[in-house]
């Protein structure tokens, strides 16, 4: 049975079960990154007088990328410390 399971992995390696991943911490990290990115966009648009097109670009293009990147970094940190 174990030999059949090892053949199912891509590299043919033995998979072992570890402790559960704290998914709730990653969800809080995602919510935190969204709040931080929205706050940062509001701060930038209020402090710096930029044209409307650049403000829309920041809000529509850069803010989601920043939130996703920050959430990924938080998830990697959680994964590093949970193992």
Protein backbone atom coordinates (compact mmCIF):
# COMPACT_ATOMS: atom_id res chain seq x y z
CA UNK A 1 0.00 0.00 0.00
CA UNK A 2 2.76 2.49 0.92
CA UNK A 3 4.58 1.78 -2.32
CA UNK A 4 1.43 2.67 -4.27
CA UNK A 5 1.07 5.94 -2.35
CA UNK A 6 4.69 6.89 -3.05
CA UNK A 7 4.12 6.43 -6.76
CA UNK A 8 1.29 8.98 -6.63
CA UNK A 9 3.59 11.87 -5.72
CA UNK A 10 5.29 13.80 -8.49
CA UNK A 11 8.81 13.11 -7.29
CA UNK A 12 8.12 9.65 -5.89
CA UNK A 13 8.99 10.78 -2.39
CA UNK A 14 7.54 9.62 0.88
CA UNK A 15 4.92 11.96 2.27
CA UNK A 16 4.58 12.28 6.03
CA UNK A 17 1.82 13.94 7.98
CA UNK A 18 2.83 16.93 10.06
CA UNK A 19 0.94 19.08 12.46
CA UNK A 20 -2.04 21.10 11.25
CA UNK A 21 -1.36 24.39 9.51
CA UNK A 22 -2.87 27.36 11.39
CA UNK A 23 -5.12 28.55 8.56
CA UNK A 24 -6.94 30.99 10.85
CA UNK A 25 -3.70 32.95 11.31
CA UNK A 26 -3.27 33.19 7.56
CA UNK A 27 -6.85 34.44 7.20
CA UNK A 28 -6.17 37.14 9.79
CA UNK A 29 -3.01 37.98 7.85
CA UNK A 30 -5.05 38.34 4.66
CA UNK A 31 -7.55 40.64 6.34
CA UNK A 32 -4.67 42.60 7.90
CA UNK A 33 -2.96 43.01 4.51
CA UNK A 34 -6.18 44.24 2.89
CA UNK A 35 -6.71 46.79 5.69
CA UNK A 36 -3.10 47.96 5.43
CA UNK A 37 -3.25 48.33 1.64
CA UNK A 38 -6.54 50.28 1.74
CA UNK A 39 -5.16 52.53 4.49
CA UNK A 40 -1.96 53.09 2.52
CA UNK A 41 -3.87 54.04 -0.63
CA UNK A 42 -6.07 56.46 1.32
CA UNK A 43 -2.98 57.95 2.97
CA UNK A 44 -1.18 58.37 -0.36
CA UNK A 45 -4.19 59.91 -2.09
CA UNK A 46 -4.80 62.36 0.78
CA UNK A 47 -1.20 63.41 1.39
CA UNK A 48 0.08 63.68 -2.16
CA UNK A 49 -1.76 65.68 -4.79
CA UNK A 50 -1.74 63.34 -7.78
CA UNK A 51 -3.90 63.34 -10.89
CA UNK A 52 -7.09 61.29 -10.73
CA UNK A 53 -5.75 58.74 -13.23
CA UNK A 54 -2.74 57.94 -11.07
CA UNK A 55 -4.93 57.64 -7.96
CA UNK A 56 -7.16 55.18 -9.81
CA UNK A 57 -4.08 53.27 -10.98
CA UNK A 58 -2.83 53.03 -7.40
CA UNK A 59 -6.23 51.95 -6.11
CA UNK A 60 -7.10 49.46 -8.84
CA UNK A 61 -3.73 48.02 -9.86
CA UNK A 62 -1.14 48.50 -7.15
CA UNK A 63 -3.23 48.12 -4.00
CA UNK A 64 -4.41 44.55 -4.80
CA UNK A 65 -0.87 43.54 -5.76
CA UNK A 66 0.48 44.99 -2.53
CA UNK A 67 -2.23 43.25 -0.48
CA UNK A 68 -1.56 39.92 -2.18
CA UNK A 69 2.20 40.25 -1.72
CA UNK A 70 1.84 41.19 1.92
CA UNK A 71 -0.56 38.28 2.54
CA UNK A 72 1.91 35.89 0.89
CA UNK A 73 4.76 37.18 3.04
CA UNK A 74 2.66 36.79 6.18
CA UNK A 75 1.70 33.25 5.13
CA UNK A 76 5.36 32.31 4.55
CA UNK A 77 6.32 33.70 7.96
CA UNK A 78 3.53 31.72 9.62
CA UNK A 79 4.62 28.60 7.76
CA UNK A 80 8.25 29.14 8.77
CA UNK A 81 7.40 29.47 12.47
CA UNK A 82 4.79 26.70 12.53
CA UNK A 83 7.26 24.03 11.35
